Structures are given as C-alpha cells and as structure tokens.
C-alpha cells in the first residue's frame, strides 16, 4: 500500500513539472516571436482579456495592372523600292556599287541616248524655225500682206513645236535613271552593255534611318493599342539588345481567320544596325487600372472563394477579394481592400473573425508604399 502511494505521489510530481515546463517554454517562444515579451511570464493585456495572436502584417499598396503583349514581326525600310527603267535600251554606264549611300536625284544608271539626243535637237530646231516664221507674219500683218488666219496657224505651229521639244526632253531624261530618295543601294545584276527593258529590276534602294516592324495582335487587344504607344523590339541578329520605338499605324480590319489585326511600329535606326527583312520580337506595354497589391502568401482560398485577413483595431477581419493578376510574388486584388490597410502575411492559419492579434509590420514604414516596382507579365 505504501509503495502505491509513493508511486502516485511521484507521478503527480512528474506531471506538475511537465506542465510548468510547457508554460515556461511557451512563454519563451512568445517572447521571441513578439518583441517586448518577457520570458517566464504569460502576457495578459487586462484581467480576462484575450491574448493577442502574433502575426506578421504588411500595408496594402497600389499597383498598375500592367500587361506586356508579345508578338513576332518583320522589319522593312521606312522607304524601300526596286528601281526599274522607264524605257528599253542598252546600259552605257552603272554609277554605283552595292552598299553605297546615295542621295536623292543622284545618277545611278545611264542608257544609250544618241537617238533621243538627236530627236531633242531636231525638236529644238523646229521651235526656232516656227518662232521666226511667226515673227515675220506678225510684222507683215499690219501691212495687210498676211491674213489673220495665217498668223493663227503660225502660232499653233509654234505651240506644237514646243510640245514636241518637251516630249523629246522627257524621252532623253528617261535614259538617265536617278535615285528617288536618299538611301542605300543593294546588289545589282546589270552591267554596262546589257540590254534592259521596263521589266528589268536594276537595283533595290532602302532608306533605313528608321525601320518599320509589322506584327499581328489578338483582336481582344484592339482597344489597348494606339498610335504613338511605346514599343520595344529585339532581333535575333543582335541578341540581348532592346530597341525602342512607337506604334506608327494600326490596321482597320480584323482578320476573320486568325482573329488578329495588323500593327506597324516605327523604330529609329540612326546607326543603320537594323536591316529590312529582319525578324523581331515585339513587346507592347499595356497599362491597366490600379488595384491593391498584397503579398502572394496572404491570399487564401476557401469554400466561398479567395480572401485575405485585414487588421482593424487589432482585430482580424476576413475580407473576400477577387484575384486580378499575379506579378513578381505579389497579387493584385479587387475587393474591400484599400491602400494603407494592414493585411496579415504570416500567421493566418490560427486566425478567426474577431480574433485579437499582435501584429509585427514588415516592409515599408509608410502605409501604401509598394515594396517593388514590377514591370508586368506577358499576355
């Protein structure tokens, strides 16, 4: 009997020691998690009050809903033509080399023009002859030696001769092929002595002071793309380099098959590093509405949808929200959250509506200041 009593007393003592150890250990943990807590003692606000549950919170900030539309485009020169002769003939001289920079009205090719020059000279002689005849008729008319009708006929002959001279000048000018604008000439297949006609491509000419990039965008973004909007392009020929430009034009129709519309961007190219025909990755930033931004781990999912815990007067309140966008570890939400409100980030598992909390605020000390400036994501 005595032995049983001794064992019962010993067991009770062990249980009491374990309980005390548990209390002190819990108080030590609370002291570590909650700054200012004293180890070895339980924190009590007032007699009978709930002890605040330690949580980590952060101020909600405002962020723009920014989306990046990505596309693949093809570059073309801002001015680009293939030059053809207006007439047939034999090439007398080629006055350019591939890759040359030429200026407007610079002579590129000269065709044989002996016949055209002779025709021009003959037309000039005919003009001179009819002028002299008209001058004699006008002097003789006051004397009655020439009828008025003959003077009119001479005037008509002079006008006709002048037109024929102008036509001869045009025919002669067609034998000289000029650059229509400033640019860079390509590789030509013609040489002096070749016979060419109006279907023969002499050379390509491109002005690449700026490059036009054509690309397609989904019709769902038609309302978001505007002329003058900033774009960024990257070419696989120059990896790692981004070039900035603007939207230059927008197509007026939606393709019924691909459900896309055409967009053309203009990209400055002062160094001439971008060439017509290059392929480009195109990025267009689309700014959206501003939404409250909270850390990703603060958004929870329940039977009634997504929600966050907001702290008001040291009490936890469950607030339903709608997820708008994820970006860079944060979530843009739409709901009853405003800039500067405290949102629980860690310690959410033990929260209940109306539960008293002791919040440690992380991040910025200024309410409503975003901790980062995210650039958005691709669509």
Protein backbone atom coordinates (compact mmCIF):
# COMPACT_ATOMS: atom_id res chain seq x y z
CA UNK A 1 0.00 0.00 0.00
CA UNK A 2 2.78 2.37 0.99
CA UNK A 3 4.56 1.65 -2.28
CA UNK A 4 1.44 2.54 -4.33
CA UNK A 5 1.04 5.84 -2.52
CA UNK A 6 4.71 6.63 -3.18
CA UNK A 7 4.28 5.90 -6.92
CA UNK A 8 1.15 8.06 -7.13
CA UNK A 9 2.92 10.99 -5.47
CA UNK A 10 5.90 10.61 -7.80
CA UNK A 11 3.63 10.52 -10.86
CA UNK A 12 1.79 13.64 -9.79
CA UNK A 13 5.09 15.43 -9.29
CA UNK A 14 6.27 14.48 -12.81
CA UNK A 15 3.02 15.77 -14.36
CA UNK A 16 3.29 19.05 -12.45
CA UNK A 17 6.90 19.57 -13.56
CA UNK A 18 5.96 18.85 -17.20
CA UNK A 19 3.11 21.36 -17.08
CA UNK A 20 5.35 24.07 -15.65
CA UNK A 21 7.99 23.36 -18.29
CA UNK A 22 5.37 23.64 -21.02
CA UNK A 23 4.15 27.01 -19.71
CA UNK A 24 7.64 28.46 -19.46
CA UNK A 25 8.62 27.12 -22.91
CA UNK A 26 5.51 28.66 -24.46
CA UNK A 27 6.24 31.99 -22.81
CA UNK A 28 9.81 31.90 -24.14
CA UNK A 29 8.54 31.28 -27.67
CA UNK A 30 6.10 34.17 -27.32
CA UNK A 31 8.92 36.39 -26.17
CA UNK A 32 10.91 35.55 -29.30
CA UNK A 33 8.00 36.00 -31.75
CA UNK A 34 6.52 39.07 -30.08
CA UNK A 35 9.06 41.84 -29.40
CA UNK A 36 8.93 43.10 -25.80
CA UNK A 37 7.51 39.88 -24.34
CA UNK A 38 9.13 38.81 -21.03
CA UNK A 39 10.19 35.13 -20.79
CA UNK A 40 8.80 33.12 -17.97
CA UNK A 41 5.57 35.09 -17.77
CA UNK A 42 2.34 34.98 -19.75
CA UNK A 43 1.35 38.24 -21.46
CA UNK A 44 -2.06 39.43 -20.35
CA UNK A 45 -3.44 42.77 -21.52
CA UNK A 46 -6.13 43.09 -18.86
CA UNK A 47 -7.72 40.70 -16.49
CA UNK A 48 -9.93 38.38 -18.57
CA UNK A 49 -8.81 39.83 -21.97
CA UNK A 50 -7.76 37.60 -24.95
CA UNK A 51 -4.06 37.33 -25.53
CA UNK A 52 -3.08 38.78 -28.98
CA UNK A 53 -2.13 36.17 -31.56
CA UNK A 54 1.27 37.08 -33.01
CA UNK A 55 1.14 37.68 -36.79
CA UNK A 56 3.23 39.43 -39.41
CA UNK A 57 1.40 42.02 -41.49
CA UNK A 58 2.10 44.41 -44.34
CA UNK A 59 0.46 47.57 -45.66
CA UNK A 60 -1.52 47.12 -48.87
CA UNK A 61 -0.14 49.20 -51.73
CA UNK A 62 -1.47 50.26 -55.11
CA UNK A 63 -0.01 48.89 -58.34
CA UNK A 64 -0.89 49.28 -62.00
CA UNK A 65 -2.25 46.28 -63.83
CA UNK A 66 0.46 46.23 -66.49
CA UNK A 67 0.40 43.62 -69.26
CA UNK A 68 3.04 43.04 -71.91
CA UNK A 69 1.73 41.96 -75.31
CA UNK A 70 4.33 39.90 -77.12
CA UNK A 71 4.43 39.31 -80.87
CA UNK A 72 6.79 38.41 -83.70
CA UNK A 73 7.25 40.93 -86.50
CA UNK A 74 9.17 41.53 -89.71
CA UNK A 75 11.17 44.66 -90.43
CA UNK A 76 11.04 46.75 -93.56
CA UNK A 77 12.68 50.01 -94.51
CA UNK A 78 10.73 53.21 -93.96
CA UNK A 79 11.25 53.87 -97.68
CA UNK A 80 12.12 50.96 -99.93
CA UNK A 81 11.76 50.40 -103.66
CA UNK A 82 13.01 48.26 -106.51
CA UNK A 83 14.08 50.58 -109.32
CA UNK A 84 13.02 49.77 -112.90
CA UNK A 85 13.83 51.71 -116.08
CA UNK A 86 11.01 53.63 -117.76
CA UNK A 87 12.21 52.60 -121.23
CA UNK A 88 14.18 49.90 -123.00
CA UNK A 89 17.77 50.36 -124.04
CA UNK A 90 21.42 49.42 -123.72
CA UNK A 91 23.24 50.22 -120.49
CA UNK A 92 26.02 52.74 -121.10
CA UNK A 93 27.26 53.09 -117.52
CA UNK A 94 26.50 51.93 -113.95
CA UNK A 95 27.49 54.61 -111.45
CA UNK A 96 27.04 52.86 -108.09
CA UNK A 97 28.32 49.92 -106.05
CA UNK A 98 26.34 47.67 -103.75
CA UNK A 99 26.02 49.18 -100.27
CA UNK A 100 26.65 52.76 -101.40
CA UNK A 101 24.75 55.55 -99.68
CA UNK A 102 23.18 57.69 -102.38
CA UNK A 103 21.24 60.94 -102.28
CA UNK A 104 18.03 61.95 -103.98
CA UNK A 105 18.42 62.61 -107.77
CA UNK A 106 21.88 61.05 -107.84
CA UNK A 107 22.56 59.34 -111.20
CA UNK A 108 22.58 55.55 -110.89
CA UNK A 109 22.46 54.23 -114.47
CA UNK A 110 22.81 55.82 -117.92
CA UNK A 111 21.30 54.20 -121.01
CA UNK A 112 22.44 54.81 -124.57
CA UNK A 113 20.72 58.05 -125.64
CA UNK A 114 22.08 59.04 -129.07
CA UNK A 115 18.69 58.82 -130.83
CA UNK A 116 16.90 60.70 -128.05
CA UNK A 117 19.50 63.45 -128.11
CA UNK A 118 19.14 63.87 -131.88
CA UNK A 119 15.35 63.99 -131.54
CA UNK A 120 15.69 66.65 -128.86
CA UNK A 121 17.96 68.75 -131.08
CA UNK A 122 15.59 68.40 -134.04
CA UNK A 123 12.63 69.48 -131.91
CA UNK A 124 14.59 72.50 -130.67
CA UNK A 125 15.37 73.47 -134.27
CA UNK A 126 11.68 73.17 -135.20
CA UNK A 127 10.76 75.51 -132.34
CA UNK A 128 13.30 78.05 -133.52
CA UNK A 129 12.04 77.90 -137.11
CA UNK A 130 8.37 78.35 -136.15
CA UNK A 131 9.28 81.25 -133.89
CA UNK A 132 10.99 83.04 -136.77
CA UNK A 133 8.03 82.39 -139.09
CA UNK A 134 5.55 83.73 -136.54
CA UNK A 135 7.69 86.85 -136.02
CA UNK A 136 7.67 87.61 -139.80
CA UNK A 137 3.89 87.09 -140.04
CA UNK A 138 3.24 89.43 -137.12
CA UNK A 139 5.35 92.17 -138.74
CA UNK A 140 3.60 91.79 -142.11
CA UNK A 141 0.06 91.64 -140.75
CA UNK A 142 -0.32 95.41 -140.12
CA UNK A 143 0.61 95.98 -143.80
CA UNK A 144 -2.11 93.59 -144.96
CA UNK A 145 0.45 91.23 -146.53
CA UNK A 146 -0.58 88.29 -144.28
CA UNK A 147 -4.04 87.20 -143.33
CA UNK A 148 -5.02 86.87 -139.68
CA UNK A 149 -5.71 83.18 -140.16
CA UNK A 150 -2.12 82.59 -141.29
CA UNK A 151 -0.83 84.27 -138.13
CA UNK A 152 -3.05 81.99 -136.01
CA UNK A 153 -1.75 78.95 -137.89
CA UNK A 154 1.83 80.02 -137.18
CA UNK A 155 1.05 80.42 -133.51
CA UNK A 156 -0.44 76.91 -133.38
CA UNK A 157 2.62 75.50 -135.16
CA UNK A 158 4.90 77.14 -132.56
CA UNK A 159 2.90 75.70 -129.66
CA UNK A 160 3.02 72.24 -131.24
CA UNK A 161 6.77 72.51 -131.79
CA UNK A 162 7.30 73.42 -128.16
CA UNK A 163 5.28 70.39 -127.00
CA UNK A 164 7.36 68.13 -129.26
CA UNK A 165 10.51 69.63 -127.72
CA UNK A 166 9.21 68.93 -124.23
CA UNK A 167 8.42 65.33 -125.23
CA UNK A 168 11.92 64.93 -126.63
CA UNK A 169 13.39 66.25 -123.37
CA UNK A 170 11.33 63.71 -121.39
CA UNK A 171 12.47 60.86 -123.65
CA UNK A 172 16.07 61.91 -123.18
CA UNK A 173 15.65 62.21 -119.39
CA UNK A 174 14.24 58.66 -119.26
CA UNK A 175 17.64 57.40 -120.43
CA UNK A 176 19.16 58.58 -117.13
CA UNK A 177 17.97 56.68 -114.03
CA UNK A 178 18.10 58.67 -110.78
CA UNK A 179 17.73 57.79 -107.11
CA UNK A 180 14.20 58.79 -105.99
CA UNK A 181 15.29 59.43 -102.37
CA UNK A 182 18.25 59.14 -100.01
CA UNK A 183 19.13 55.58 -99.14
CA UNK A 184 21.40 52.57 -99.53
CA UNK A 185 21.54 50.62 -102.80
CA UNK A 186 21.59 46.84 -102.88
CA UNK A 187 23.32 44.38 -105.17
CA UNK A 188 22.66 44.88 -108.88
CA UNK A 189 22.81 42.27 -111.62
CA UNK A 190 23.20 44.67 -114.53
CA UNK A 191 26.43 45.81 -116.17
CA UNK A 192 27.44 48.17 -118.97
CA UNK A 193 26.40 46.68 -122.33
CA UNK A 194 23.34 44.84 -121.01
CA UNK A 195 20.04 45.26 -122.81
CA UNK A 196 17.22 46.05 -120.37
CA UNK A 197 13.55 46.95 -120.57
CA UNK A 198 10.84 48.24 -118.25
CA UNK A 199 10.52 44.82 -116.57
CA UNK A 200 14.19 44.64 -115.57
CA UNK A 201 14.90 45.34 -111.88
CA UNK A 202 18.00 47.50 -111.76
CA UNK A 203 18.63 47.68 -108.00
CA UNK A 204 16.88 47.99 -104.64
CA UNK A 205 17.04 51.24 -102.69
CA UNK A 206 16.23 51.41 -98.97
CA UNK A 207 16.10 54.27 -96.52
CA UNK A 208 16.76 52.69 -93.11
CA UNK A 209 17.01 55.78 -90.94
CA UNK A 210 14.03 54.12 -89.27
CA UNK A 211 12.72 50.58 -89.57
CA UNK A 212 9.06 49.66 -89.82
CA UNK A 213 8.12 46.48 -87.97
CA UNK A 214 4.83 44.81 -88.94
CA UNK A 215 3.25 42.38 -86.47
CA UNK A 216 -0.12 40.89 -85.53
CA UNK A 217 -2.03 41.40 -82.26
CA UNK A 218 -5.04 39.46 -80.98
CA UNK A 219 -8.36 41.24 -81.55
CA UNK A 220 -9.00 41.24 -77.77
CA UNK A 221 -6.30 43.92 -77.51
CA UNK A 222 -7.71 46.20 -80.20
CA UNK A 223 -8.87 48.78 -77.67
CA UNK A 224 -5.46 48.81 -75.94
CA UNK A 225 -3.19 49.63 -78.91
CA UNK A 226 -2.95 53.27 -80.02
CA UNK A 227 -0.70 55.23 -82.44
CA UNK A 228 2.25 56.75 -80.59
CA UNK A 229 2.29 54.00 -77.96
CA UNK A 230 5.76 52.87 -76.87
CA UNK A 231 7.07 49.51 -78.06
CA UNK A 232 10.29 47.57 -77.53
CA UNK A 233 11.78 45.27 -80.14
CA UNK A 234 14.57 42.73 -80.09
CA UNK A 235 16.10 40.99 -83.09
CA UNK A 236 17.69 37.57 -83.04
CA UNK A 237 20.53 39.04 -85.12
CA UNK A 238 21.56 41.23 -82.15
CA UNK A 239 20.67 39.14 -79.08
CA UNK A 240 20.37 40.92 -75.76
CA UNK A 241 19.80 44.39 -77.26
CA UNK A 242 16.45 46.17 -76.99
CA UNK A 243 15.43 48.98 -79.34
CA UNK A 244 12.60 51.39 -78.57
CA UNK A 245 10.02 52.70 -81.00
CA UNK A 246 6.39 53.76 -81.27
CA UNK A 247 3.23 52.42 -82.87
CA UNK A 248 3.03 54.09 -86.28
CA UNK A 249 -0.18 52.66 -87.73
CA UNK A 250 -2.99 50.23 -86.90
CA UNK A 251 -4.93 48.11 -89.36
CA UNK A 252 -8.61 48.90 -89.88
CA UNK A 253 -9.77 45.29 -90.11
CA UNK A 254 -9.72 42.09 -88.06
CA UNK A 255 -8.56 39.01 -89.92
CA UNK A 256 -11.54 36.60 -89.74
CA UNK A 257 -9.27 33.54 -89.84
CA UNK A 258 -6.52 34.40 -87.34
CA UNK A 259 -8.69 36.83 -85.29
CA UNK A 260 -5.82 39.33 -85.26
CA UNK A 261 -5.24 42.85 -86.57
CA UNK A 262 -2.11 44.37 -88.11
CA UNK A 263 0.10 46.85 -86.29
CA UNK A 264 3.11 48.74 -87.64
CA UNK A 265 5.78 50.16 -85.35
CA UNK A 266 8.49 52.64 -86.31
CA UNK A 267 11.90 52.10 -84.70
CA UNK A 268 14.65 54.75 -85.07
CA UNK A 269 17.79 53.32 -86.65
CA UNK A 270 20.39 56.12 -86.79
CA UNK A 271 23.35 53.71 -86.76
CA UNK A 272 21.94 51.53 -89.51
CA UNK A 273 22.30 48.36 -87.44
CA UNK A 274 18.78 47.18 -88.21
CA UNK A 275 18.04 46.00 -91.74
CA UNK A 276 14.92 45.44 -93.77
CA UNK A 277 13.78 41.82 -93.62
CA UNK A 278 14.99 41.16 -90.07
CA UNK A 279 12.66 39.30 -87.72
CA UNK A 280 11.81 40.93 -84.40
CA UNK A 281 10.32 40.05 -81.04
CA UNK A 282 7.95 42.90 -80.20
CA UNK A 283 6.82 43.93 -76.70
CA UNK A 284 3.99 46.41 -76.13
CA UNK A 285 3.28 47.58 -72.56
CA UNK A 286 -0.41 48.00 -71.81
CA UNK A 287 -1.32 50.00 -68.73
CA UNK A 288 -4.47 48.94 -66.89
CA UNK A 289 -6.35 50.05 -63.77
CA UNK A 290 -4.78 50.41 -60.34
CA UNK A 291 -5.52 47.66 -57.84
CA UNK A 292 -4.48 46.98 -54.23
CA UNK A 293 -1.35 44.83 -54.12
CA UNK A 294 -0.70 42.25 -51.38
CA UNK A 295 1.94 39.53 -50.91
CA UNK A 296 1.07 36.29 -52.65
CA UNK A 297 1.11 34.24 -49.41
CA UNK A 298 -1.53 36.47 -47.81
CA UNK A 299 -4.25 35.38 -50.27
CA UNK A 300 -6.17 32.30 -49.14
CA UNK A 301 -8.74 30.06 -50.79
CA UNK A 302 -11.89 28.86 -49.03
CA UNK A 303 -15.29 27.41 -49.80
CA UNK A 304 -16.63 30.84 -50.69
CA UNK A 305 -13.67 31.88 -52.81
CA UNK A 306 -10.48 33.86 -52.20
CA UNK A 307 -9.99 36.15 -49.21
CA UNK A 308 -7.40 37.95 -47.07
CA UNK A 309 -7.19 38.81 -43.39
CA UNK A 310 -7.31 42.53 -42.61
CA UNK A 311 -6.40 44.01 -39.22
CA UNK A 312 -8.75 46.67 -37.83
CA UNK A 313 -8.38 47.88 -34.23
CA UNK A 314 -6.13 44.89 -33.50
CA UNK A 315 -8.89 42.52 -34.64
CA UNK A 316 -8.76 40.16 -37.62
CA UNK A 317 -11.41 40.57 -40.30
CA UNK A 318 -11.92 38.21 -43.22
CA UNK A 319 -12.29 40.16 -46.49
CA UNK A 320 -13.39 38.44 -49.75
CA UNK A 321 -11.33 39.51 -52.77
CA UNK A 322 -11.01 38.67 -56.45
CA UNK A 323 -7.56 37.83 -57.84
CA UNK A 324 -6.79 40.14 -60.77
CA UNK A 325 -3.19 39.34 -61.58
CA UNK A 326 -0.07 37.69 -60.20
CA UNK A 327 3.18 39.55 -60.71
CA UNK A 328 6.59 39.24 -59.06
CA UNK A 329 5.46 37.48 -55.86
CA UNK A 330 2.52 39.83 -55.35
CA UNK A 331 -1.15 39.61 -56.23
CA UNK A 332 -3.38 42.42 -57.46
CA UNK A 333 -6.80 42.01 -55.88
CA UNK A 334 -10.20 43.58 -56.35
CA UNK A 335 -12.43 43.82 -53.29
CA UNK A 336 -12.83 45.61 -49.99
CA UNK A 337 -9.14 46.44 -49.61
CA UNK A 338 -7.75 49.99 -49.75
CA UNK A 339 -4.27 51.48 -49.88
CA UNK A 340 -2.53 51.52 -46.49
CA UNK A 341 -4.66 48.89 -44.78
CA UNK A 342 -2.87 46.19 -42.77
CA UNK A 343 -3.02 42.75 -44.33
CA UNK A 344 -1.87 39.62 -42.49
CA UNK A 345 1.00 37.94 -44.30
CA UNK A 346 2.10 35.19 -41.89
CA UNK A 347 0.24 33.53 -39.05
CA UNK A 348 -3.05 33.15 -40.90
CA UNK A 349 -3.74 29.51 -40.03
CA UNK A 350 -5.00 30.22 -36.48
CA UNK A 351 -6.98 33.32 -37.33
CA UNK A 352 -10.69 33.57 -36.77
CA UNK A 353 -13.00 36.54 -37.40
CA UNK A 354 -12.69 38.99 -34.50
CA UNK A 355 -9.57 37.35 -33.09
CA UNK A 356 -7.23 39.80 -31.32
CA UNK A 357 -3.79 39.93 -32.95
CA UNK A 358 -0.41 41.38 -32.12
CA UNK A 359 0.98 42.45 -35.49
CA UNK A 360 4.59 42.88 -36.44
CA UNK A 361 4.67 45.10 -39.54
CA UNK A 362 7.28 44.32 -42.15
CA UNK A 363 8.45 46.25 -45.19
CA UNK A 364 7.96 49.99 -45.56
CA UNK A 365 7.05 52.08 -42.52
CA UNK A 366 4.93 54.29 -44.75
CA UNK A 367 1.45 52.94 -45.46
CA UNK A 368 0.61 52.32 -49.09
CA UNK A 369 4.14 52.35 -50.49
CA UNK A 370 4.84 49.40 -52.74
CA UNK A 371 7.96 47.44 -51.89
CA UNK A 372 8.83 46.93 -55.56
CA UNK A 373 8.06 48.32 -58.99
CA UNK A 374 7.05 45.34 -61.09
CA UNK A 375 7.09 45.51 -64.84
CA UNK A 376 4.18 43.15 -65.53
CA UNK A 377 3.99 39.89 -67.40
CA UNK A 378 3.41 38.68 -70.90
CA UNK A 379 -0.12 38.06 -72.06
